[in-house]
Amino acid sequence: YTEAKKTYYCYYCDYSYSETETSGSHSFKETVLSPATVDSDGKYGMKCACGETKDIKAIPKITDITLSETEYTYNGKNQKPTLTIKDKSGYVLKEGTDYFVNGTDDLMYAGIHKITVYFQGKYSGFNNSEIKIYPASPSKLTLKSTAKTVTAKWKNAKGADSYKVELLRNGKAYKTVTASATTVKFEKLSKNTKYT
């Protein structure tokens, strides 16, 4: 289907006008006219090179983005959650066709990680989610005390690079120490006082 513009002139009065001539047949192709987002429906239909459209249908908006897990405990391995995305009709979007994901290849170390879903094809926009990976819990805590000291010792927790140790005196916060080692010693304590 082609269009051509033809112009006519009058040599006596200098008047001119143009008209568009068409030839051939329409060549329609399925086209996304406006992609769907998390906020609104989109549209797709058959569109010709001349701009004519037909058979327009709705693309339901994205309504559900779910991660199988958002919190993990460090185990030395990459921990990738399962991602499920649906539109309001219940259609499950396909990774690689309807979207792709960044950030799931580095979910190993303790901390807060961001993963981003980028929509494509019939969909547009992006969505951010957080994955929290906690260090493993310290274990085998032992306490040793003298008249004026308390020494706390524990087994290293995988994924942790420091520890916060809080000492309570008679049930109230007294001293807090942050240490990279697995031993902390509190000194100059009072006699006949309960420390926790």
N, C-alpha and C. Protein backbone atom coordinates (compact mmCIF):
# COMPACT_ATOMS: atom_id res chain seq x y z
N TYR A 1 0.87 -1.19 0.00
CA TYR A 1 0.00 0.00 0.00
C TYR A 1 0.90 1.23 0.00
N THR A 2 0.76 2.07 -0.98
CA THR A 2 1.61 3.26 -1.08
C THR A 2 0.75 4.49 -1.31
N GLU A 3 1.33 5.62 -0.95
CA GLU A 3 0.67 6.90 -1.15
C GLU A 3 1.60 7.81 -1.94
N ALA A 4 1.02 8.62 -2.80
CA ALA A 4 1.81 9.59 -3.57
C ALA A 4 1.06 10.92 -3.58
N LYS A 5 1.81 12.00 -3.50
CA LYS A 5 1.19 13.33 -3.49
C LYS A 5 1.36 13.96 -4.87
N LYS A 6 0.24 14.41 -5.44
CA LYS A 6 0.26 14.99 -6.78
C LYS A 6 -0.20 16.44 -6.69
N THR A 7 0.54 17.34 -7.33
CA THR A 7 0.20 18.77 -7.29
C THR A 7 -0.15 19.27 -8.70
N TYR A 8 -1.22 20.06 -8.78
CA TYR A 8 -1.70 20.61 -10.06
C TYR A 8 -1.50 22.12 -10.06
N TYR A 9 -1.05 22.66 -11.21
CA TYR A 9 -0.80 24.10 -11.36
C TYR A 9 -1.61 24.68 -12.51
N CYS A 10 -1.99 25.92 -12.34
CA CYS A 10 -2.62 26.67 -13.44
C CYS A 10 -1.61 27.75 -13.86
N TYR A 11 -1.13 27.64 -15.11
CA TYR A 11 -0.11 28.58 -15.58
C TYR A 11 -0.67 29.98 -15.86
N TYR A 12 -1.99 30.09 -15.95
CA TYR A 12 -2.58 31.39 -16.24
C TYR A 12 -2.76 32.23 -14.98
N CYS A 13 -3.21 31.58 -13.88
CA CYS A 13 -3.49 32.35 -12.65
C CYS A 13 -2.60 31.97 -11.47
N ASP A 14 -1.67 31.05 -11.68
CA ASP A 14 -0.75 30.57 -10.63
C ASP A 14 -1.44 29.82 -9.48
N TYR A 15 -2.67 29.40 -9.70
CA TYR A 15 -3.36 28.63 -8.66
C TYR A 15 -2.82 27.20 -8.66
N SER A 16 -2.71 26.60 -7.47
CA SER A 16 -2.27 25.20 -7.39
C SER A 16 -3.00 24.49 -6.26
N TYR A 17 -3.13 23.19 -6.38
CA TYR A 17 -3.68 22.38 -5.29
C TYR A 17 -3.06 20.99 -5.36
N SER A 18 -3.09 20.28 -4.22
CA SER A 18 -2.47 18.94 -4.15
C SER A 18 -3.50 17.93 -3.69
N GLU A 19 -3.30 16.70 -4.12
CA GLU A 19 -4.15 15.61 -3.64
C GLU A 19 -3.28 14.36 -3.51
N THR A 20 -3.73 13.47 -2.64
CA THR A 20 -2.98 12.24 -2.39
C THR A 20 -3.60 11.09 -3.15
N GLU A 21 -2.75 10.38 -3.90
CA GLU A 21 -3.21 9.22 -4.64
C GLU A 21 -2.69 7.97 -3.95
N THR A 22 -3.51 6.96 -3.90
CA THR A 22 -3.10 5.70 -3.27
C THR A 22 -3.12 4.59 -4.29
N SER A 23 -2.27 3.59 -4.04
CA SER A 23 -2.23 2.43 -4.92
C SER A 23 -1.90 1.20 -4.09
N GLY A 24 -2.21 0.05 -4.59
CA GLY A 24 -1.93 -1.18 -3.87
C GLY A 24 -3.00 -1.48 -2.85
N SER A 25 -2.72 -2.48 -1.97
CA SER A 25 -3.68 -2.87 -0.95
C SER A 25 -3.07 -2.65 0.43
N HIS A 26 -3.92 -2.65 1.44
CA HIS A 26 -3.44 -2.48 2.81
C HIS A 26 -2.58 -3.67 3.23
N SER A 27 -1.58 -3.37 4.05
CA SER A 27 -0.72 -4.42 4.60
C SER A 27 -0.75 -4.27 6.12
N PHE A 28 -1.66 -4.98 6.77
CA PHE A 28 -1.83 -4.85 8.21
C PHE A 28 -0.87 -5.75 8.97
N LYS A 29 -0.39 -5.24 10.09
CA LYS A 29 0.53 -5.99 10.94
C LYS A 29 0.13 -5.77 12.39
N GLU A 30 0.16 -6.84 13.20
CA GLU A 30 -0.19 -6.68 14.62
C GLU A 30 0.83 -5.76 15.30
N THR A 31 0.31 -4.72 15.94
CA THR A 31 1.17 -3.69 16.52
C THR A 31 0.66 -3.27 17.89
N VAL A 32 1.61 -3.03 18.82
CA VAL A 32 1.25 -2.47 20.12
C VAL A 32 1.03 -0.98 19.93
N LEU A 33 -0.19 -0.53 20.13
CA LEU A 33 -0.50 0.89 19.93
C LEU A 33 -0.14 1.71 21.17
N SER A 34 -0.35 1.12 22.35
CA SER A 34 0.09 1.74 23.61
C SER A 34 0.29 0.61 24.62
N PRO A 35 1.49 0.48 25.18
CA PRO A 35 1.76 -0.64 26.08
C PRO A 35 1.03 -0.49 27.42
N ALA A 36 0.74 -1.61 28.06
CA ALA A 36 0.13 -1.60 29.38
C ALA A 36 1.20 -1.33 30.43
N THR A 37 0.81 -0.73 31.56
CA THR A 37 1.72 -0.45 32.66
C THR A 37 1.07 -0.93 33.96
N VAL A 38 1.70 -0.64 35.08
CA VAL A 38 1.09 -0.98 36.37
C VAL A 38 -0.07 -0.02 36.69
N ASP A 39 -0.19 1.06 35.96
CA ASP A 39 -1.23 2.06 36.23
C ASP A 39 -2.39 2.02 35.24
N SER A 40 -2.15 1.56 34.03
CA SER A 40 -3.21 1.66 33.03
C SER A 40 -3.15 0.53 31.99
N ASP A 41 -4.32 0.26 31.39
CA ASP A 41 -4.39 -0.72 30.31
C ASP A 41 -3.71 -0.17 29.07
N GLY A 42 -3.32 -1.07 28.19
CA GLY A 42 -2.76 -0.67 26.91
C GLY A 42 -3.68 -1.10 25.78
N LYS A 43 -3.20 -0.95 24.53
CA LYS A 43 -3.99 -1.35 23.37
C LYS A 43 -3.07 -1.92 22.29
N TYR A 44 -3.59 -2.92 21.58
CA TYR A 44 -2.89 -3.41 20.40
C TYR A 44 -3.92 -3.71 19.32
N GLY A 45 -3.46 -3.78 18.08
CA GLY A 45 -4.38 -4.05 16.98
C GLY A 45 -3.62 -4.23 15.69
N MET A 46 -4.34 -4.29 14.60
CA MET A 46 -3.74 -4.42 13.28
C MET A 46 -3.55 -3.02 12.70
N LYS A 47 -2.32 -2.73 12.27
CA LYS A 47 -2.02 -1.39 11.75
C LYS A 47 -1.34 -1.49 10.39
N CYS A 48 -1.79 -0.63 9.47
CA CYS A 48 -1.20 -0.58 8.13
C CYS A 48 -0.14 0.52 8.10
N ALA A 49 0.75 0.45 7.13
CA ALA A 49 1.78 1.47 6.96
C ALA A 49 1.16 2.84 6.70
N CYS A 50 -0.07 2.86 6.19
CA CYS A 50 -0.73 4.13 5.91
C CYS A 50 -1.27 4.79 7.18
N GLY A 51 -1.25 4.02 8.30
CA GLY A 51 -1.73 4.58 9.57
C GLY A 51 -3.09 4.06 9.98
N GLU A 52 -3.79 3.37 9.09
CA GLU A 52 -5.11 2.85 9.43
C GLU A 52 -4.98 1.68 10.40
N THR A 53 -5.88 1.62 11.36
CA THR A 53 -5.86 0.53 12.34
C THR A 53 -7.23 -0.15 12.38
N LYS A 54 -7.22 -1.42 12.80
CA LYS A 54 -8.47 -2.16 12.95
C LYS A 54 -8.27 -3.26 14.00
N ASP A 55 -9.36 -3.87 14.43
CA ASP A 55 -9.33 -4.97 15.40
C ASP A 55 -8.57 -4.59 16.67
N ILE A 56 -8.84 -3.41 17.20
CA ILE A 56 -8.14 -2.93 18.40
C ILE A 56 -8.65 -3.66 19.64
N LYS A 57 -7.71 -4.15 20.45
CA LYS A 57 -8.02 -4.88 21.68
C LYS A 57 -7.24 -4.30 22.85
N ALA A 58 -7.73 -4.57 24.05
CA ALA A 58 -7.08 -4.05 25.26
C ALA A 58 -5.96 -4.98 25.72
N ILE A 59 -4.93 -4.38 26.31
CA ILE A 59 -3.89 -5.13 27.02
C ILE A 59 -4.10 -4.82 28.50
N PRO A 60 -4.55 -5.79 29.30
CA PRO A 60 -4.83 -5.51 30.71
C PRO A 60 -3.58 -5.05 31.46
N LYS A 61 -3.78 -4.12 32.38
CA LYS A 61 -2.65 -3.57 33.13
C LYS A 61 -2.08 -4.61 34.10
N ILE A 62 -0.83 -4.38 34.53
CA ILE A 62 -0.15 -5.27 35.47
C ILE A 62 -0.67 -4.97 36.87
N THR A 63 -1.09 -6.03 37.58
CA THR A 63 -1.69 -5.81 38.91
C THR A 63 -1.01 -6.58 40.03
N ASP A 64 -0.17 -7.56 39.70
CA ASP A 64 0.39 -8.41 40.75
C ASP A 64 1.84 -8.75 40.45
N ILE A 65 2.74 -8.29 41.32
CA ILE A 65 4.17 -8.61 41.21
C ILE A 65 4.58 -9.24 42.53
N THR A 66 4.87 -10.54 42.52
CA THR A 66 5.10 -11.28 43.75
C THR A 66 6.44 -12.00 43.73
N LEU A 67 7.20 -11.84 44.82
CA LEU A 67 8.44 -12.59 45.02
C LEU A 67 8.16 -13.73 46.00
N SER A 68 8.70 -14.92 45.71
CA SER A 68 8.47 -16.05 46.59
C SER A 68 9.07 -15.81 47.97
N GLU A 69 10.18 -15.08 48.05
CA GLU A 69 10.83 -14.73 49.32
C GLU A 69 11.41 -13.33 49.21
N THR A 70 11.37 -12.60 50.31
CA THR A 70 12.03 -11.29 50.35
C THR A 70 13.09 -11.21 51.44
N GLU A 71 13.20 -12.27 52.26
CA GLU A 71 14.19 -12.30 53.33
C GLU A 71 14.86 -13.68 53.36
N TYR A 72 16.19 -13.66 53.47
CA TYR A 72 16.98 -14.88 53.53
C TYR A 72 18.02 -14.77 54.64
N THR A 73 18.57 -15.91 55.02
CA THR A 73 19.71 -15.95 55.93
C THR A 73 20.92 -16.38 55.12
N TYR A 74 22.03 -15.70 55.31
CA TYR A 74 23.26 -15.98 54.56
C TYR A 74 23.64 -17.46 54.64
N ASN A 75 23.93 -18.06 53.47
CA ASN A 75 24.40 -19.45 53.44
C ASN A 75 25.57 -19.65 52.49
N GLY A 76 26.14 -18.54 52.00
CA GLY A 76 27.29 -18.64 51.11
C GLY A 76 26.93 -18.89 49.66
N LYS A 77 25.63 -18.96 49.34
CA LYS A 77 25.19 -19.21 47.96
C LYS A 77 24.29 -18.08 47.48
N ASN A 78 24.17 -17.95 46.15
CA ASN A 78 23.24 -16.98 45.59
C ASN A 78 21.81 -17.48 45.83
N GLN A 79 20.97 -16.62 46.40
CA GLN A 79 19.61 -17.03 46.75
C GLN A 79 18.61 -16.23 45.93
N LYS A 80 18.13 -16.84 44.87
CA LYS A 80 17.27 -16.16 43.91
C LYS A 80 15.81 -16.54 44.14
N PRO A 81 14.94 -15.57 44.42
CA PRO A 81 13.53 -15.88 44.61
C PRO A 81 12.82 -16.13 43.28
N THR A 82 11.69 -16.79 43.36
CA THR A 82 10.84 -16.97 42.19
C THR A 82 9.96 -15.74 42.04
N LEU A 83 9.91 -15.21 40.82
CA LEU A 83 9.13 -14.00 40.55
C LEU A 83 7.90 -14.36 39.72
N THR A 84 6.72 -13.94 40.17
CA THR A 84 5.48 -14.16 39.43
C THR A 84 4.81 -12.82 39.18
N ILE A 85 4.51 -12.54 37.92
CA ILE A 85 3.86 -11.28 37.54
C ILE A 85 2.60 -11.59 36.76
N LYS A 86 1.49 -10.98 37.16
CA LYS A 86 0.22 -11.20 36.48
C LYS A 86 -0.42 -9.88 36.09
N ASP A 87 -1.22 -9.91 35.02
CA ASP A 87 -2.03 -8.74 34.69
C ASP A 87 -3.42 -8.94 35.29
N LYS A 88 -4.30 -7.98 35.14
CA LYS A 88 -5.59 -8.04 35.82
C LYS A 88 -6.52 -9.12 35.27
N SER A 89 -6.17 -9.70 34.12
CA SER A 89 -6.97 -10.80 33.58
C SER A 89 -6.50 -12.15 34.12
N GLY A 90 -5.37 -12.15 34.85
CA GLY A 90 -4.83 -13.39 35.37
C GLY A 90 -3.71 -13.98 34.53
N TYR A 91 -3.42 -13.37 33.38
CA TYR A 91 -2.33 -13.84 32.53
C TYR A 91 -1.00 -13.70 33.26
N VAL A 92 -0.18 -14.76 33.24
CA VAL A 92 1.13 -14.73 33.87
C VAL A 92 2.16 -14.29 32.84
N LEU A 93 2.80 -13.15 33.09
CA LEU A 93 3.79 -12.62 32.15
C LEU A 93 4.99 -13.55 32.06
N LYS A 94 5.61 -13.61 30.90
CA LYS A 94 6.74 -14.50 30.64
C LYS A 94 8.06 -13.72 30.64
N GLU A 95 9.01 -14.22 31.44
CA GLU A 95 10.33 -13.60 31.47
C GLU A 95 11.00 -13.79 30.11
N GLY A 96 11.66 -12.76 29.62
CA GLY A 96 12.30 -12.83 28.31
C GLY A 96 11.40 -12.34 27.19
N THR A 97 10.09 -12.46 27.37
CA THR A 97 9.13 -11.97 26.38
C THR A 97 8.46 -10.69 26.86
N ASP A 98 7.94 -10.75 28.08
CA ASP A 98 7.20 -9.60 28.63
C ASP A 98 8.03 -8.75 29.58
N TYR A 99 9.12 -9.31 30.10
CA TYR A 99 9.97 -8.56 31.03
C TYR A 99 11.34 -9.23 31.17
N PHE A 100 12.30 -8.48 31.71
CA PHE A 100 13.58 -9.07 32.12
C PHE A 100 13.95 -8.47 33.47
N VAL A 101 14.86 -9.14 34.18
CA VAL A 101 15.16 -8.78 35.57
C VAL A 101 16.65 -8.51 35.73
N ASN A 102 16.99 -7.46 36.49
CA ASN A 102 18.37 -7.16 36.87
C ASN A 102 18.52 -7.29 38.39
N GLY A 103 19.65 -7.82 38.83
CA GLY A 103 19.95 -7.84 40.25
C GLY A 103 19.83 -9.18 40.94
N THR A 104 19.40 -10.22 40.22
CA THR A 104 19.21 -11.51 40.87
C THR A 104 20.46 -12.39 40.82
N ASP A 105 21.52 -11.91 40.19
CA ASP A 105 22.75 -12.70 40.11
C ASP A 105 23.72 -12.38 41.23
N ASP A 106 23.34 -11.47 42.13
CA ASP A 106 24.26 -11.06 43.19
C ASP A 106 23.55 -11.08 44.55
N LEU A 107 22.75 -12.11 44.78
CA LEU A 107 22.00 -12.21 46.04
C LEU A 107 22.69 -13.22 46.96
N MET A 108 23.92 -12.90 47.33
CA MET A 108 24.70 -13.81 48.17
C MET A 108 25.02 -13.21 49.53
N TYR A 109 25.55 -11.99 49.53
CA TYR A 109 26.08 -11.43 50.77
C TYR A 109 25.00 -10.75 51.61
N ALA A 110 25.25 -10.73 52.91
CA ALA A 110 24.30 -10.10 53.83
C ALA A 110 24.15 -8.62 53.48
N GLY A 111 22.93 -8.13 53.58
CA GLY A 111 22.65 -6.73 53.28
C GLY A 111 21.31 -6.59 52.61
N ILE A 112 21.01 -5.37 52.14
CA ILE A 112 19.77 -5.09 51.42
C ILE A 112 20.09 -4.98 49.94
N HIS A 113 19.45 -5.80 49.13
CA HIS A 113 19.71 -5.85 47.70
C HIS A 113 18.48 -5.36 46.93
N LYS A 114 18.72 -4.71 45.80
CA LYS A 114 17.62 -4.22 44.96
C LYS A 114 17.57 -5.03 43.68
N ILE A 115 16.38 -5.51 43.33
CA ILE A 115 16.19 -6.14 42.03
C ILE A 115 15.16 -5.30 41.25
N THR A 116 15.39 -5.18 39.96
CA THR A 116 14.53 -4.33 39.12
C THR A 116 13.96 -5.16 37.98
N VAL A 117 12.65 -5.07 37.80
CA VAL A 117 11.96 -5.71 36.67
C VAL A 117 11.70 -4.65 35.62
N TYR A 118 12.16 -4.89 34.39
CA TYR A 118 11.90 -3.98 33.27
C TYR A 118 10.91 -4.65 32.32
N PHE A 119 9.78 -3.98 32.05
CA PHE A 119 8.76 -4.54 31.18
C PHE A 119 9.05 -4.21 29.73
N GLN A 120 8.62 -5.08 28.83
CA GLN A 120 8.88 -4.90 27.40
C GLN A 120 7.74 -5.52 26.59
N GLY A 121 7.82 -5.39 25.26
CA GLY A 121 6.79 -5.95 24.40
C GLY A 121 5.47 -5.21 24.55
N LYS A 122 4.44 -5.89 25.05
CA LYS A 122 3.13 -5.29 25.24
C LYS A 122 3.05 -4.48 26.53
N TYR A 123 4.17 -4.45 27.29
CA TYR A 123 4.16 -3.79 28.59
C TYR A 123 5.30 -2.78 28.66
N SER A 124 5.16 -1.82 29.56
CA SER A 124 6.17 -0.76 29.67
C SER A 124 6.33 -0.36 31.12
N GLY A 125 7.54 0.16 31.47
CA GLY A 125 7.80 0.63 32.82
C GLY A 125 8.75 -0.30 33.55
N PHE A 126 8.88 -0.08 34.85
CA PHE A 126 9.76 -0.92 35.65
C PHE A 126 9.24 -0.98 37.08
N ASN A 127 9.78 -1.93 37.85
CA ASN A 127 9.37 -2.09 39.25
C ASN A 127 10.58 -2.51 40.08
N ASN A 128 10.77 -1.87 41.24
CA ASN A 128 11.88 -2.20 42.13
C ASN A 128 11.38 -2.97 43.35
N SER A 129 12.16 -3.95 43.79
CA SER A 129 11.86 -4.70 45.01
C SER A 129 13.14 -4.87 45.81
N GLU A 130 12.98 -5.09 47.11
CA GLU A 130 14.14 -5.28 48.00
C GLU A 130 14.20 -6.72 48.49
N ILE A 131 15.41 -7.23 48.55
CA ILE A 131 15.68 -8.54 49.14
C ILE A 131 16.64 -8.31 50.30
N LYS A 132 16.28 -8.79 51.48
CA LYS A 132 17.15 -8.66 52.65
C LYS A 132 17.79 -10.01 52.96
N ILE A 133 19.11 -9.98 53.09
CA ILE A 133 19.84 -11.19 53.47
C ILE A 133 20.51 -10.92 54.81
N TYR A 134 20.12 -11.69 55.81
CA TYR A 134 20.64 -11.49 57.16
C TYR A 134 21.83 -12.42 57.41
N PRO A 135 22.79 -11.97 58.22
CA PRO A 135 23.85 -12.90 58.61
C PRO A 135 23.24 -14.05 59.42
N ALA A 136 23.94 -15.18 59.44
CA ALA A 136 23.50 -16.28 60.29
C ALA A 136 23.60 -15.84 61.75
N SER A 137 22.82 -16.45 62.61
CA SER A 137 22.83 -16.06 64.03
C SER A 137 24.10 -16.56 64.73
N PRO A 138 24.67 -15.73 65.62
CA PRO A 138 25.80 -16.21 66.42
C PRO A 138 25.34 -17.40 67.27
N SER A 139 26.26 -18.28 67.59
CA SER A 139 25.89 -19.46 68.39
C SER A 139 26.95 -19.73 69.46
N LYS A 140 26.61 -20.64 70.36
CA LYS A 140 27.51 -21.09 71.42
C LYS A 140 28.06 -19.92 72.24
N LEU A 141 27.16 -19.06 72.68
CA LEU A 141 27.56 -17.94 73.52
C LEU A 141 27.96 -18.45 74.91
N THR A 142 29.13 -18.03 75.36
CA THR A 142 29.58 -18.38 76.72
C THR A 142 29.95 -17.10 77.45
N LEU A 143 29.72 -17.08 78.76
CA LEU A 143 30.02 -15.93 79.59
C LEU A 143 30.97 -16.35 80.70
N LYS A 144 31.93 -15.49 80.98
CA LYS A 144 32.87 -15.73 82.06
C LYS A 144 32.97 -14.44 82.86
N SER A 145 32.85 -14.53 84.17
CA SER A 145 32.84 -13.30 84.97
C SER A 145 33.79 -13.40 86.15
N THR A 146 34.24 -12.22 86.55
CA THR A 146 35.00 -12.07 87.79
C THR A 146 34.24 -11.03 88.61
N ALA A 147 34.85 -10.56 89.68
CA ALA A 147 34.17 -9.58 90.54
C ALA A 147 33.82 -8.31 89.79
N LYS A 148 34.65 -7.91 88.81
CA LYS A 148 34.41 -6.63 88.14
C LYS A 148 34.45 -6.72 86.61
N THR A 149 34.42 -7.94 86.06
CA THR A 149 34.43 -8.08 84.59
C THR A 149 33.45 -9.16 84.14
N VAL A 150 33.01 -8.99 82.89
CA VAL A 150 32.24 -10.03 82.21
C VAL A 150 32.80 -10.17 80.80
N THR A 151 33.14 -11.39 80.42
CA THR A 151 33.67 -11.65 79.08
C THR A 151 32.68 -12.53 78.33
N ALA A 152 32.25 -12.05 77.17
CA ALA A 152 31.32 -12.80 76.31
C ALA A 152 32.09 -13.34 75.11
N LYS A 153 31.83 -14.59 74.79
CA LYS A 153 32.50 -15.22 73.65
C LYS A 153 31.48 -16.06 72.90
N TRP A 154 31.55 -16.07 71.56
CA TRP A 154 30.59 -16.81 70.76
C TRP A 154 31.24 -17.31 69.48
N LYS A 155 30.53 -18.18 68.80
CA LYS A 155 31.03 -18.73 67.53
C LYS A 155 30.69 -17.78 66.39
N ASN A 156 31.63 -17.64 65.46
CA ASN A 156 31.45 -16.72 64.33
C ASN A 156 30.16 -17.03 63.56
N ALA A 157 29.44 -15.97 63.19
CA ALA A 157 28.22 -16.11 62.39
C ALA A 157 28.55 -15.88 60.92
N LYS A 158 28.20 -16.82 60.05
CA LYS A 158 28.49 -16.68 58.63
C LYS A 158 27.78 -15.46 58.05
N GLY A 159 28.53 -14.67 57.29
CA GLY A 159 27.96 -13.50 56.64
C GLY A 159 28.05 -12.23 57.45
N ALA A 160 28.48 -12.34 58.74
CA ALA A 160 28.60 -11.15 59.59
C ALA A 160 30.03 -10.63 59.56
N ASP A 161 30.20 -9.31 59.51
CA ASP A 161 31.55 -8.75 59.58
C ASP A 161 31.75 -7.96 60.88
N SER A 162 30.69 -7.80 61.67
CA SER A 162 30.82 -7.17 62.98
C SER A 162 29.63 -7.57 63.84
N TYR A 163 29.75 -7.30 65.14
CA TYR A 163 28.72 -7.68 66.10
C TYR A 163 28.46 -6.53 67.06
N LYS A 164 27.22 -6.41 67.48
CA LYS A 164 26.87 -5.42 68.50
C LYS A 164 26.49 -6.18 69.77
N VAL A 165 27.21 -5.91 70.85
CA VAL A 165 26.99 -6.60 72.11
C VAL A 165 26.50 -5.58 73.13
N GLU A 166 25.35 -5.85 73.71
CA GLU A 166 24.77 -4.92 74.67
C GLU A 166 24.77 -5.53 76.07
N LEU A 167 25.24 -4.77 77.04
CA LEU A 167 25.27 -5.20 78.44
C LEU A 167 24.18 -4.44 79.20
N LEU A 168 23.35 -5.19 79.90
CA LEU A 168 22.30 -4.59 80.72
C LEU A 168 22.71 -4.62 82.19
N ARG A 169 22.37 -3.57 82.91
CA ARG A 169 22.62 -3.53 84.36
C ARG A 169 21.27 -3.39 85.06
N ASN A 170 20.95 -4.40 85.87
CA ASN A 170 19.64 -4.43 86.55
C ASN A 170 18.49 -4.27 85.56
N GLY A 171 18.65 -4.89 84.37
CA GLY A 171 17.58 -4.89 83.38
C GLY A 171 17.52 -3.69 82.47
N LYS A 172 18.42 -2.72 82.65
CA LYS A 172 18.42 -1.53 81.81
C LYS A 172 19.71 -1.43 80.99
N ALA A 173 19.61 -0.84 79.79
CA ALA A 173 20.78 -0.71 78.93
C ALA A 173 21.89 0.03 79.65
N TYR A 174 23.10 -0.52 79.57
CA TYR A 174 24.23 0.06 80.29
C TYR A 174 25.39 0.38 79.35
N LYS A 175 25.86 -0.62 78.61
CA LYS A 175 26.96 -0.40 77.68
C LYS A 175 26.71 -1.20 76.39
N THR A 176 27.11 -0.60 75.27
CA THR A 176 27.02 -1.29 73.99
C THR A 176 28.36 -1.20 73.28
N VAL A 177 28.82 -2.33 72.78
CA VAL A 177 30.11 -2.39 72.10
C VAL A 177 29.91 -3.02 70.73
N THR A 178 30.52 -2.42 69.69
CA THR A 178 30.54 -3.01 68.36
C THR A 178 31.94 -3.54 68.10
N ALA A 179 32.03 -4.81 67.72
CA ALA A 179 33.35 -5.43 67.56
C ALA A 179 33.36 -6.35 66.35
N SER A 180 34.53 -6.48 65.73
CA SER A 180 34.69 -7.42 64.62
C SER A 180 35.14 -8.79 65.13
N ALA A 181 35.67 -8.83 66.35
CA ALA A 181 36.09 -10.10 66.95
C ALA A 181 34.89 -10.82 67.54
N THR A 182 35.08 -12.03 67.98
CA THR A 182 33.99 -12.82 68.57
C THR A 182 34.13 -12.90 70.09
N THR A 183 34.87 -11.94 70.66
CA THR A 183 35.02 -11.85 72.12
C THR A 183 34.93 -10.40 72.54
N VAL A 184 34.16 -10.13 73.59
CA VAL A 184 34.06 -8.78 74.14
C VAL A 184 34.19 -8.87 75.66
N LYS A 185 34.98 -7.98 76.22
CA LYS A 185 35.17 -7.95 77.68
C LYS A 185 34.71 -6.61 78.24
N PHE A 186 33.77 -6.67 79.19
CA PHE A 186 33.31 -5.48 79.90
C PHE A 186 34.04 -5.42 81.25
N GLU A 187 34.61 -4.24 81.54
CA GLU A 187 35.41 -4.11 82.76
C GLU A 187 34.85 -3.02 83.67
N LYS A 188 35.44 -2.93 84.87
CA LYS A 188 35.09 -1.92 85.87
C LYS A 188 33.60 -1.98 86.23
N LEU A 189 33.13 -3.17 86.45
CA LEU A 189 31.74 -3.36 86.82
C LEU A 189 31.57 -3.31 88.34
N SER A 190 30.36 -3.09 88.79
CA SER A 190 30.08 -2.97 90.24
C SER A 190 29.78 -4.34 90.83
N LYS A 191 30.15 -4.50 92.07
CA LYS A 191 29.84 -5.73 92.79
C LYS A 191 28.36 -5.75 93.15
N ASN A 192 27.88 -6.95 93.43
CA ASN A 192 26.49 -7.15 93.88
C ASN A 192 25.46 -6.50 92.96
N THR A 193 25.76 -6.57 91.67
CA THR A 193 24.86 -5.97 90.66
C THR A 193 24.57 -7.02 89.59
N LYS A 194 23.33 -7.10 89.13
CA LYS A 194 22.97 -8.08 88.12
C LYS A 194 23.23 -7.53 86.71
N TYR A 195 24.08 -8.23 85.99
CA TYR A 195 24.38 -7.87 84.60
C TYR A 195 23.87 -8.97 83.67
N THR A 196 23.34 -8.53 82.52
CA THR A 196 22.82 -9.46 81.52
C THR A 196 23.47 -9.19 80.18
